[in-house]
Amino acid sequence: MDEIEDDFALKKLIQAVENQVADGHPREAGLVLMDLLAQGIDRQAALALMAETLAEHIAITFASEKPFDVNAYARALLALAQE
């Protein structure tokens, strides 16, 4: 059951990242996706990396009980392209 829940959560996070790219907010989402694709990373793999970053920042938000820090999330996305 945990694997099913993990797969469901990952799909939803990827969908959220795809929405960010489509909406252009944060703008770094689209830029990073393009950069990762240019580096030869498969689209699904790139989206999964970005979704993991989103999950980390959601977890930080819940743990700190503070609003989601879109600027910190955007910086983390940019760091993905540098790795």
PDB file of N, CA and C in Angstrom:
ATOM      1  N   MET A   1       0.821  -1.200   0.000  1.00  0.00           N
ATOM      2  CA  MET A   1       0.000   0.000   0.000  1.00  0.00           C
ATOM      3  C   MET A   1       0.868   1.269   0.000  1.00  0.00           C
ATOM      4  N   ASP A   2       1.981   1.230   0.720  1.00  0.00           N
ATOM      5  CA  ASP A   2       2.854   2.412   0.772  1.00  0.00           C
ATOM      6  C   ASP A   2       3.376   2.774  -0.615  1.00  0.00           C
ATOM      7  N   GLU A   3       3.717   1.759  -1.408  1.00  0.00           N
ATOM      8  CA  GLU A   3       4.236   2.015  -2.754  1.00  0.00           C
ATOM      9  C   GLU A   3       3.169   2.688  -3.616  1.00  0.00           C
ATOM     10  N   ILE A   4       1.930   2.255  -3.488  1.00  0.00           N
ATOM     11  CA  ILE A   4       0.824   2.857  -4.234  1.00  0.00           C
ATOM     12  C   ILE A   4       0.652   4.315  -3.817  1.00  0.00           C
ATOM     13  N   GLU A   5       0.715   4.569  -2.507  1.00  0.00           N
ATOM     14  CA  GLU A   5       0.582   5.937  -2.006  1.00  0.00           C
ATOM     15  C   GLU A   5       1.747   6.799  -2.464  1.00  0.00           C
ATOM     16  N   ASP A   6       2.955   6.244  -2.456  1.00  0.00           N
ATOM     17  CA  ASP A   6       4.133   6.988  -2.923  1.00  0.00           C
ATOM     18  C   ASP A   6       4.011   7.331  -4.402  1.00  0.00           C
ATOM     19  N   ASP A   7       3.566   6.376  -5.212  1.00  0.00           N
ATOM     20  CA  ASP A   7       3.388   6.612  -6.643  1.00  0.00           C
ATOM     21  C   ASP A   7       2.339   7.696  -6.885  1.00  0.00           C
ATOM     22  N   PHE A   8       1.244   7.628  -6.127  1.00  0.00           N
ATOM     23  CA  PHE A   8       0.174   8.620  -6.252  1.00  0.00           C
ATOM     24  C   PHE A   8       0.699  10.010  -5.895  1.00  0.00           C
ATOM     25  N   ALA A   9       1.440  10.097  -4.781  1.00  0.00           N
ATOM     26  CA  ALA A   9       1.990  11.381  -4.345  1.00  0.00           C
ATOM     27  C   ALA A   9       2.966  11.936  -5.377  1.00  0.00           C
ATOM     28  N   LEU A  10       3.819  11.076  -5.917  1.00  0.00           N
ATOM     29  CA  LEU A  10       4.780  11.531  -6.925  1.00  0.00           C
ATOM     30  C   LEU A  10       4.057  12.045  -8.167  1.00  0.00           C
ATOM     31  N   LYS A  11       3.018  11.341  -8.601  1.00  0.00           N
ATOM     32  CA  LYS A  11       2.252  11.791  -9.765  1.00  0.00           C
ATOM     33  C   LYS A  11       1.629  13.155  -9.519  1.00  0.00           C
ATOM     34  N   LYS A  12       1.111  13.370  -8.319  1.00  0.00           N
ATOM     35  CA  LYS A  12       0.490  14.660  -7.988  1.00  0.00           C
ATOM     36  C   LYS A  12       1.539  15.768  -7.921  1.00  0.00           C
ATOM     37  N   LEU A  13       2.701  15.460  -7.383  1.00  0.00           N
ATOM     38  CA  LEU A  13       3.770  16.454  -7.323  1.00  0.00           C
ATOM     39  C   LEU A  13       4.268  16.796  -8.727  1.00  0.00           C
ATOM     40  N   ILE A  14       4.402  15.792  -9.578  1.00  0.00           N
ATOM     41  CA  ILE A  14       4.810  16.047 -10.959  1.00  0.00           C
ATOM     42  C   ILE A  14       3.762  16.903 -11.656  1.00  0.00           C
ATOM     43  N   GLN A  15       2.504  16.610 -11.406  1.00  0.00           N
ATOM     44  CA  GLN A  15       1.430  17.410 -11.993  1.00  0.00           C
ATOM     45  C   GLN A  15       1.525  18.864 -11.513  1.00  0.00           C
ATOM     46  N   ALA A  16       1.856  19.053 -10.236  1.00  0.00           N
ATOM     47  CA  ALA A  16       2.007  20.407  -9.700  1.00  0.00           C
ATOM     48  C   ALA A  16       3.162  21.132 -10.392  1.00  0.00           C
ATOM     49  N   VAL A  17       4.264  20.439 -10.607  1.00  0.00           N
ATOM     50  CA  VAL A  17       5.416  21.043 -11.292  1.00  0.00           C
ATOM     51  C   VAL A  17       5.045  21.381 -12.739  1.00  0.00           C
ATOM     52  N   GLU A  18       4.350  20.480 -13.408  1.00  0.00           N
ATOM     53  CA  GLU A  18       3.923  20.766 -14.779  1.00  0.00           C
ATOM     54  C   GLU A  18       3.014  21.989 -14.827  1.00  0.00           C
ATOM     55  N   ASN A  19       2.152  22.141 -13.819  1.00  0.00           N
ATOM     56  CA  ASN A  19       1.292  23.328 -13.736  1.00  0.00           C
ATOM     57  C   ASN A  19       2.125  24.584 -13.525  1.00  0.00           C
ATOM     58  N   GLN A  20       3.167  24.488 -12.703  1.00  0.00           N
ATOM     59  CA  GLN A  20       4.043  25.644 -12.475  1.00  0.00           C
ATOM     60  C   GLN A  20       4.715  26.056 -13.778  1.00  0.00           C
ATOM     61  N   VAL A  21       5.176  25.068 -14.533  1.00  0.00           N
ATOM     62  CA  VAL A  21       5.827  25.359 -15.813  1.00  0.00           C
ATOM     63  C   VAL A  21       4.833  26.030 -16.755  1.00  0.00           C
ATOM     64  N   ALA A  22       3.621  25.480 -16.831  1.00  0.00           N
ATOM     65  CA  ALA A  22       2.596  26.026 -17.728  1.00  0.00           C
ATOM     66  C   ALA A  22       2.168  27.426 -17.313  1.00  0.00           C
ATOM     67  N   ASP A  23       2.074  27.651 -16.005  1.00  0.00           N
ATOM     68  CA  ASP A  23       1.634  28.948 -15.484  1.00  0.00           C
ATOM     69  C   ASP A  23       2.753  29.989 -15.459  1.00  0.00           C
ATOM     70  N   GLY A  24       3.997  29.505 -15.525  1.00  0.00           N
ATOM     71  CA  GLY A  24       5.126  30.428 -15.448  1.00  0.00           C
ATOM     72  C   GLY A  24       5.376  30.956 -14.048  1.00  0.00           C
ATOM     73  N   HIS A  25       4.923  30.215 -13.048  1.00  0.00           N
ATOM     74  CA  HIS A  25       5.131  30.633 -11.655  1.00  0.00           C
ATOM     75  C   HIS A  25       5.461  29.438 -10.790  1.00  0.00           C
ATOM     76  N   PRO A  26       6.596  29.393 -10.150  1.00  0.00           N
ATOM     77  CA  PRO A  26       7.657  30.378 -10.322  1.00  0.00           C
ATOM     78  C   PRO A  26       8.308  30.209 -11.700  1.00  0.00           C
ATOM     79  N   ARG A  27       8.793  31.300 -12.231  1.00  0.00           N
ATOM     80  CA  ARG A  27       9.359  31.268 -13.577  1.00  0.00           C
ATOM     81  C   ARG A  27      10.553  30.336 -13.654  1.00  0.00           C
ATOM     82  N   GLU A  28      11.215  30.117 -12.526  1.00  0.00           N
ATOM     83  CA  GLU A  28      12.378  29.233 -12.496  1.00  0.00           C
ATOM     84  C   GLU A  28      12.010  27.803 -12.877  1.00  0.00           C
ATOM     85  N   ALA A  29      10.764  27.406 -12.643  1.00  0.00           N
ATOM     86  CA  ALA A  29      10.349  26.036 -12.967  1.00  0.00           C
ATOM     87  C   ALA A  29      10.537  25.752 -14.454  1.00  0.00           C
ATOM     88  N   GLY A  30      10.072  26.637 -15.298  1.00  0.00           N
ATOM     89  CA  GLY A  30      10.231  26.447 -16.738  1.00  0.00           C
ATOM     90  C   GLY A  30      11.681  26.523 -17.174  1.00  0.00           C
ATOM     91  N   LEU A  31      12.406  27.462 -16.601  1.00  0.00           N
ATOM     92  CA  LEU A  31      13.815  27.619 -16.956  1.00  0.00           C
ATOM     93  C   LEU A  31      14.622  26.385 -16.581  1.00  0.00           C
ATOM     94  N   VAL A  32      14.365  25.871 -15.397  1.00  0.00           N
ATOM     95  CA  VAL A  32      15.107  24.698 -14.931  1.00  0.00           C
ATOM     96  C   VAL A  32      14.735  23.467 -15.752  1.00  0.00           C
ATOM     97  N   LEU A  33      13.463  23.304 -16.061  1.00  0.00           N
ATOM     98  CA  LEU A  33      13.066  22.168 -16.891  1.00  0.00           C
ATOM     99  C   LEU A  33      13.783  22.230 -18.242  1.00  0.00           C
ATOM    100  N   MET A  34      13.795  23.388 -18.865  1.00  0.00           N
ATOM    101  CA  MET A  34      14.490  23.531 -20.151  1.00  0.00           C
ATOM    102  C   MET A  34      15.977  23.221 -20.006  1.00  0.00           C
ATOM    103  N   ASP A  35      16.580  23.694 -18.923  1.00  0.00           N
ATOM    104  CA  ASP A  35      18.008  23.468 -18.694  1.00  0.00           C
ATOM    105  C   ASP A  35      18.290  21.979 -18.495  1.00  0.00           C
ATOM    106  N   LEU A  36      17.472  21.312 -17.687  1.00  0.00           N
ATOM    107  CA  LEU A  36      17.678  19.884 -17.447  1.00  0.00           C
ATOM    108  C   LEU A  36      17.517  19.087 -18.739  1.00  0.00           C
ATOM    109  N   LEU A  37      16.526  19.456 -19.541  1.00  0.00           N
ATOM    110  CA  LEU A  37      16.335  18.779 -20.824  1.00  0.00           C
ATOM    111  C   LEU A  37      17.530  19.014 -21.738  1.00  0.00           C
ATOM    112  N   ALA A  38      18.075  20.232 -21.736  1.00  0.00           N
ATOM    113  CA  ALA A  38      19.243  20.559 -22.555  1.00  0.00           C
ATOM    114  C   ALA A  38      20.474  19.775 -22.107  1.00  0.00           C
ATOM    115  N   GLN A  39      20.504  19.390 -20.823  1.00  0.00           N
ATOM    116  CA  GLN A  39      21.609  18.587 -20.300  1.00  0.00           C
ATOM    117  C   GLN A  39      21.463  17.114 -20.667  1.00  0.00           C
ATOM    118  N   GLY A  40      20.352  16.777 -21.331  1.00  0.00           N
ATOM    119  CA  GLY A  40      20.148  15.404 -21.771  1.00  0.00           C
ATOM    120  C   GLY A  40      19.344  14.557 -20.806  1.00  0.00           C
ATOM    121  N   ILE A  41      18.769  15.180 -19.805  1.00  0.00           N
ATOM    122  CA  ILE A  41      17.952  14.439 -18.844  1.00  0.00           C
ATOM    123  C   ILE A  41      16.567  14.241 -19.445  1.00  0.00           C
ATOM    124  N   ASP A  42      16.070  13.036 -19.360  1.00  0.00           N
ATOM    125  CA  ASP A  42      14.737  12.687 -19.840  1.00  0.00           C
ATOM    126  C   ASP A  42      13.690  13.565 -19.141  1.00  0.00           C
ATOM    127  N   ARG A  43      12.641  13.939 -19.862  1.00  0.00           N
ATOM    128  CA  ARG A  43      11.608  14.838 -19.316  1.00  0.00           C
ATOM    129  C   ARG A  43      11.004  14.295 -18.022  1.00  0.00           C
ATOM    130  N   GLN A  44      10.653  13.021 -18.004  1.00  0.00           N
ATOM    131  CA  GLN A  44      10.035  12.450 -16.799  1.00  0.00           C
ATOM    132  C   GLN A  44      11.011  12.459 -15.629  1.00  0.00           C
ATOM    133  N   ALA A  45      12.271  12.170 -15.903  1.00  0.00           N
ATOM    134  CA  ALA A  45      13.287  12.194 -14.849  1.00  0.00           C
ATOM    135  C   ALA A  45      13.483  13.617 -14.326  1.00  0.00           C
ATOM    136  N   ALA A  46      13.489  14.581 -15.224  1.00  0.00           N
ATOM    137  CA  ALA A  46      13.646  15.982 -14.821  1.00  0.00           C
ATOM    138  C   ALA A  46      12.463  16.419 -13.958  1.00  0.00           C
ATOM    139  N   LEU A  47      11.255  16.061 -14.402  1.00  0.00           N
ATOM    140  CA  LEU A  47      10.066  16.415 -13.615  1.00  0.00           C
ATOM    141  C   LEU A  47      10.092  15.736 -12.256  1.00  0.00           C
ATOM    142  N   ALA A  48      10.571  14.501 -12.198  1.00  0.00           N
ATOM    143  CA  ALA A  48      10.652  13.791 -10.919  1.00  0.00           C
ATOM    144  C   ALA A  48      11.639  14.480  -9.981  1.00  0.00           C
ATOM    145  N   LEU A  49      12.778  14.930 -10.517  1.00  0.00           N
ATOM    146  CA  LEU A  49      13.746  15.668  -9.688  1.00  0.00           C
ATOM    147  C   LEU A  49      13.121  16.950  -9.136  1.00  0.00           C
ATOM    148  N   MET A  50      12.418  17.644 -10.001  1.00  0.00           N
ATOM    149  CA  MET A  50      11.783  18.893  -9.577  1.00  0.00           C
ATOM    150  C   MET A  50      10.669  18.615  -8.568  1.00  0.00           C
ATOM    151  N   ALA A  51       9.951  17.509  -8.747  1.00  0.00           N
ATOM    152  CA  ALA A  51       8.887  17.137  -7.820  1.00  0.00           C
ATOM    153  C   ALA A  51       9.455  16.795  -6.446  1.00  0.00           C
ATOM    154  N   GLU A  52      10.611  16.145  -6.425  1.00  0.00           N
ATOM    155  CA  GLU A  52      11.270  15.846  -5.147  1.00  0.00           C
ATOM    156  C   GLU A  52      11.653  17.134  -4.429  1.00  0.00           C
ATOM    157  N   THR A  53      12.112  18.107  -5.181  1.00  0.00           N
ATOM    158  CA  THR A  53      12.461  19.402  -4.596  1.00  0.00           C
ATOM    159  C   THR A  53      11.218  20.072  -4.032  1.00  0.00           C
ATOM    160  N   LEU A  54      10.117  20.019  -4.762  1.00  0.00           N
ATOM    161  CA  LEU A  54       8.857  20.575  -4.274  1.00  0.00           C
ATOM    162  C   LEU A  54       8.429  19.863  -2.994  1.00  0.00           C
ATOM    163  N   ALA A  55       8.546  18.539  -2.962  1.00  0.00           N
ATOM    164  CA  ALA A  55       8.170  17.773  -1.773  1.00  0.00           C
ATOM    165  C   ALA A  55       9.000  18.183  -0.561  1.00  0.00           C
ATOM    166  N   GLU A  56      10.292  18.390  -0.775  1.00  0.00           N
ATOM    167  CA  GLU A  56      11.170  18.827   0.319  1.00  0.00           C
ATOM    168  C   GLU A  56      10.710  20.170   0.880  1.00  0.00           C
ATOM    169  N   HIS A  57      10.326  21.074   0.010  1.00  0.00           N
ATOM    170  CA  HIS A  57       9.917  22.407   0.466  1.00  0.00           C
ATOM    171  C   HIS A  57       8.524  22.393   1.089  1.00  0.00           C
ATOM    172  N   ILE A  58       7.691  21.495   0.662  1.00  0.00           N
ATOM    173  CA  ILE A  58       6.394  21.321   1.324  1.00  0.00           C
ATOM    174  C   ILE A  58       6.626  20.781   2.730  1.00  0.00           C
ATOM    175  N   ALA A  59       7.528  19.807   2.865  1.00  0.00           N
ATOM    176  CA  ALA A  59       7.839  19.250   4.184  1.00  0.00           C
ATOM    177  C   ALA A  59       8.414  20.312   5.115  1.00  0.00           C
ATOM    178  N   ILE A  60       9.289  21.149   4.589  1.00  0.00           N
ATOM    179  CA  ILE A  60       9.852  22.247   5.389  1.00  0.00           C
ATOM    180  C   ILE A  60       8.745  23.177   5.856  1.00  0.00           C
ATOM    181  N   THR A  61       7.802  23.456   4.981  1.00  0.00           N
ATOM    182  CA  THR A  61       6.688  24.334   5.321  1.00  0.00           C
ATOM    183  C   THR A  61       5.866  23.755   6.466  1.00  0.00           C
ATOM    184  N   PHE A  62       5.549  22.467   6.369  1.00  0.00           N
ATOM    185  CA  PHE A  62       4.772  21.838   7.439  1.00  0.00           C
ATOM    186  C   PHE A  62       5.546  21.798   8.751  1.00  0.00           C
ATOM    187  N   ALA A  63       6.841  21.493   8.669  1.00  0.00           N
ATOM    188  CA  ALA A  63       7.660  21.397   9.880  1.00  0.00           C
ATOM    189  C   ALA A  63       7.833  22.745  10.562  1.00  0.00           C
ATOM    190  N   SER A  64       7.942  23.794   9.773  1.00  0.00           N
ATOM    191  CA  SER A  64       8.194  25.117  10.352  1.00  0.00           C
ATOM    192  C   SER A  64       6.908  25.873  10.669  1.00  0.00           C
ATOM    193  N   GLU A  65       5.800  25.376  10.134  1.00  0.00           N
ATOM    194  CA  GLU A  65       4.502  26.034  10.307  1.00  0.00           C
ATOM    195  C   GLU A  65       4.531  27.489   9.833  1.00  0.00           C
ATOM    196  N   LYS A  66       5.331  27.731   8.808  1.00  0.00           N
ATOM    197  CA  LYS A  66       5.421  29.048   8.181  1.00  0.00           C
ATOM    198  C   LYS A  66       4.876  28.931   6.764  1.00  0.00           C
ATOM    199  N   PRO A  67       4.560  30.053   6.140  1.00  0.00           N
ATOM    200  CA  PRO A  67       4.087  29.997   4.746  1.00  0.00           C
ATOM    201  C   PRO A  67       5.156  29.406   3.818  1.00  0.00           C
ATOM    202  N   PHE A  68       4.685  28.834   2.719  1.00  0.00           N
ATOM    203  CA  PHE A  68       5.594  28.279   1.716  1.00  0.00           C
ATOM    204  C   PHE A  68       6.498  29.389   1.206  1.00  0.00           C
ATOM    205  N   ASP A  69       7.799  29.137   1.211  1.00  0.00           N
ATOM    206  CA  ASP A  69       8.787  30.123   0.759  1.00  0.00           C
ATOM    207  C   ASP A  69       9.115  29.861  -0.710  1.00  0.00           C
ATOM    208  N   VAL A  70       8.383  30.535  -1.580  1.00  0.00           N
ATOM    209  CA  VAL A  70       8.563  30.306  -3.017  1.00  0.00           C
ATOM    210  C   VAL A  70       9.956  30.719  -3.478  1.00  0.00           C
ATOM    211  N   ASN A  71      10.563  31.686  -2.821  1.00  0.00           N
ATOM    212  CA  ASN A  71      11.912  32.115  -3.205  1.00  0.00           C
ATOM    213  C   ASN A  71      12.942  31.036  -2.877  1.00  0.00           C
ATOM    214  N   ALA A  72      12.818  30.408  -1.716  1.00  0.00           N
ATOM    215  CA  ALA A  72      13.731  29.317  -1.357  1.00  0.00           C
ATOM    216  C   ALA A  72      13.524  28.127  -2.295  1.00  0.00           C
ATOM    217  N   TYR A  73      12.279  27.852  -2.627  1.00  0.00           N
ATOM    218  CA  TYR A  73      11.968  26.774  -3.572  1.00  0.00           C
ATOM    219  C   TYR A  73      12.584  27.077  -4.944  1.00  0.00           C
ATOM    220  N   ALA A  74      12.460  28.312  -5.411  1.00  0.00           N
ATOM    221  CA  ALA A  74      13.018  28.705  -6.700  1.00  0.00           C
ATOM    222  C   ALA A  74      14.541  28.559  -6.695  1.00  0.00           C
ATOM    223  N   ARG A  75      15.174  28.950  -5.596  1.00  0.00           N
ATOM    224  CA  ARG A  75      16.637  28.792  -5.495  1.00  0.00           C
ATOM    225  C   ARG A  75      17.023  27.317  -5.541  1.00  0.00           C
ATOM    226  N   ALA A  76      16.246  26.471  -4.876  1.00  0.00           N
ATOM    227  CA  ALA A  76      16.524  25.033  -4.887  1.00  0.00           C
ATOM    228  C   ALA A  76      16.349  24.460  -6.292  1.00  0.00           C
ATOM    229  N   LEU A  77      15.354  24.938  -7.018  1.00  0.00           N
ATOM    230  CA  LEU A  77      15.188  24.494  -8.399  1.00  0.00           C
ATOM    231  C   LEU A  77      16.397  24.880  -9.230  1.00  0.00           C
ATOM    232  N   LEU A  78      16.853  26.116  -9.088  1.00  0.00           N
ATOM    233  CA  LEU A  78      18.021  26.566  -9.842  1.00  0.00           C
ATOM    234  C   LEU A  78      19.259  25.732  -9.509  1.00  0.00           C
ATOM    235  N   ALA A  79      19.369  25.315  -8.265  1.00  0.00           N
ATOM    236  CA  ALA A  79      20.504  24.489  -7.861  1.00  0.00           C
ATOM    237  C   ALA A  79      20.483  23.135  -8.564  1.00  0.00           C
ATOM    238  N   LEU A  80      19.284  22.626  -8.890  1.00  0.00           N
ATOM    239  CA  LEU A  80      19.189  21.360  -9.621  1.00  0.00           C
ATOM    240  C   LEU A  80      19.910  21.433 -10.960  1.00  0.00           C
ATOM    241  N   ALA A  81      19.773  22.556 -11.610  1.00  0.00           N
ATOM    242  CA  ALA A  81      20.381  22.717 -12.935  1.00  0.00           C
ATOM    243  C   ALA A  81      21.905  22.804 -12.836  1.00  0.00           C
ATOM    244  N   GLN A  82      22.420  23.124 -11.656  1.00  0.00           N
ATOM    245  CA  GLN A  82      23.854  23.262 -11.473  1.00  0.00           C
ATOM    246  C   GLN A  82      24.525  21.949 -11.091  1.00  0.00           C
ATOM    247  N   GLU A  83      23.728  20.968 -10.693  1.00  0.00           N
ATOM    248  CA  GLU A  83      24.309  19.696 -10.212  1.00  0.00           C
ATOM    249  C   GLU A  83      24.808  18.842 -11.343  1.00  0.00           C
TER     250      GLU A  83
END
